[in-house]
Amino acid sequence: KYDGAQLWRIAYTEQEYKNAVAEIQKQFKLSMWNLQMTSQNDSYVDIFVKRDAVKGAKDFLLKVRVPFSVVIEDIQDAINSENPPLDEEDLWQNRNGEFATAGTT
């Protein structure tokens, strides 16, 4: 489960920003999900931040003045919203969306 984990978008336009991203990845064992290098003035990286690293990583970025935003506040909530639990009727349907009957495959 990913309760409390977040997705952050961090500015990646300056070398000091790139250094800060490398540091939080190393220090907090965070993983990069996406790197968008559209132009020198509009580059960013999306980082997956585990729940137990949110406060420390946020404090670090604020301290070194690296712009970032929270894209997904809670990863598990987003997963649950995109993939709601199946109700009983859905569980009885086969992969083609047709109802399976006893004795058929």
Protein backbone atom coordinates (compact mmCIF):
# COMPACT_ATOMS: atom_id res chain seq x y z
CA LYS A 1 0.00 0.00 0.00
CA TYR A 2 1.05 3.56 -0.70
CA ASP A 3 -0.91 5.37 2.03
CA GLY A 4 0.55 8.82 2.60
CA ALA A 5 3.04 8.59 -0.26
CA GLN A 6 3.08 11.57 -2.61
CA LEU A 7 4.15 12.55 -6.11
CA TRP A 8 6.11 15.80 -6.29
CA ARG A 9 7.06 17.91 -9.30
CA ILE A 10 10.42 19.58 -8.69
CA ALA A 11 12.03 22.32 -10.76
CA TYR A 12 14.99 21.00 -12.73
CA THR A 13 16.16 24.09 -14.58
CA GLU A 14 19.22 25.09 -12.55
CA GLN A 15 22.25 22.99 -11.64
CA GLU A 16 21.62 23.57 -7.93
CA TYR A 17 18.09 22.18 -8.39
CA LYS A 18 19.50 19.11 -10.11
CA ASN A 19 21.98 18.68 -7.24
CA ALA A 20 19.17 18.97 -4.69
CA VAL A 21 17.12 16.32 -6.53
CA ALA A 22 20.11 13.98 -6.54
CA GLU A 23 20.63 14.62 -2.83
CA ILE A 24 17.04 13.89 -1.78
CA GLN A 25 17.02 10.76 -3.93
CA LYS A 26 20.15 9.57 -2.16
CA GLN A 27 19.31 10.76 1.36
CA PHE A 28 15.67 9.64 1.43
CA LYS A 29 15.87 6.78 -1.12
CA LEU A 30 13.32 8.40 -3.44
CA SER A 31 12.68 7.35 -7.00
CA MET A 32 12.30 9.47 -10.12
CA TRP A 33 9.11 8.75 -12.08
CA ASN A 34 9.45 11.24 -14.91
CA LEU A 35 11.97 13.73 -16.24
CA GLN A 36 10.61 16.45 -18.53
CA MET A 37 13.28 18.51 -20.27
CA THR A 38 11.16 20.72 -22.56
CA SER A 39 13.36 23.80 -22.38
CA GLN A 40 15.98 25.38 -20.14
CA ASN A 41 13.25 27.40 -18.41
CA ASP A 42 10.61 24.67 -18.14
CA SER A 43 12.25 21.45 -16.98
CA TYR A 44 11.05 19.41 -14.05
CA VAL A 45 11.28 15.99 -12.50
CA ASP A 46 8.50 13.97 -10.86
CA ILE A 47 9.61 12.17 -7.71
CA PHE A 48 7.79 9.47 -5.75
CA VAL A 49 8.06 10.34 -2.05
CA LYS A 50 7.38 7.63 0.52
CA ARG A 51 5.19 8.61 3.48
CA ASP A 52 8.05 8.42 5.97
CA ALA A 53 10.19 10.74 3.82
CA VAL A 54 7.62 13.48 3.12
CA LYS A 55 8.51 15.79 6.02
CA GLY A 56 12.29 15.46 5.76
CA ALA A 57 12.39 15.84 1.97
CA LYS A 58 10.04 18.83 2.12
CA ASP A 59 12.14 20.52 4.82
CA PHE A 60 15.28 19.91 2.74
CA LEU A 61 13.82 21.43 -0.45
CA LEU A 62 12.48 24.44 1.44
CA LYS A 63 15.87 24.96 3.09
CA VAL A 64 17.75 24.94 -0.23
CA ARG A 65 14.96 26.95 -1.92
CA VAL A 66 14.10 24.52 -4.69
CA PRO A 67 10.62 25.10 -6.15
CA PHE A 68 8.32 22.09 -6.03
CA SER A 69 4.65 21.22 -5.92
CA VAL A 70 2.66 18.24 -4.75
CA VAL A 71 1.02 16.64 -7.79
CA ILE A 72 -0.65 13.76 -5.95
CA GLU A 73 -1.38 14.27 -2.26
CA ASP A 74 -1.88 10.57 -1.46
CA ILE A 75 -0.86 7.91 -3.98
CA GLN A 76 -3.06 5.21 -2.43
CA ASP A 77 -6.15 7.43 -2.59
CA ALA A 78 -5.39 8.09 -6.27
CA ILE A 79 -5.01 4.36 -6.94
CA ASN A 80 -8.27 3.63 -5.15
CA SER A 81 -10.07 6.34 -7.14
CA GLU A 82 -8.78 5.01 -10.47
CA ASN A 83 -9.40 1.36 -9.57
CA PRO A 84 -12.38 1.14 -7.23
CA PRO A 85 -12.90 -2.22 -5.56
CA LEU A 86 -14.98 -4.63 -7.60
CA ASP A 87 -18.49 -5.35 -6.42
CA GLU A 88 -19.78 -8.92 -6.30
CA GLU A 89 -21.27 -8.75 -9.80
CA ASP A 90 -17.96 -7.62 -11.29
CA LEU A 91 -16.15 -10.50 -9.62
CA TRP A 92 -18.37 -13.00 -11.46
CA GLN A 93 -17.68 -11.55 -14.91
CA ASN A 94 -15.00 -13.04 -17.12
CA ARG A 95 -12.36 -11.00 -18.96
CA ASN A 96 -14.66 -10.34 -21.91
CA GLY A 97 -17.21 -8.66 -19.65
CA GLU A 98 -19.65 -11.54 -20.08
CA PHE A 99 -21.08 -13.51 -17.23
CA ALA A 100 -19.40 -16.88 -16.80
CA THR A 101 -21.64 -19.82 -16.13
CA ALA A 102 -20.81 -22.92 -14.13
CA GLY A 103 -18.92 -25.53 -16.14
CA THR A 104 -17.68 -23.14 -18.86
CA THR A 105 -14.26 -21.62 -19.29
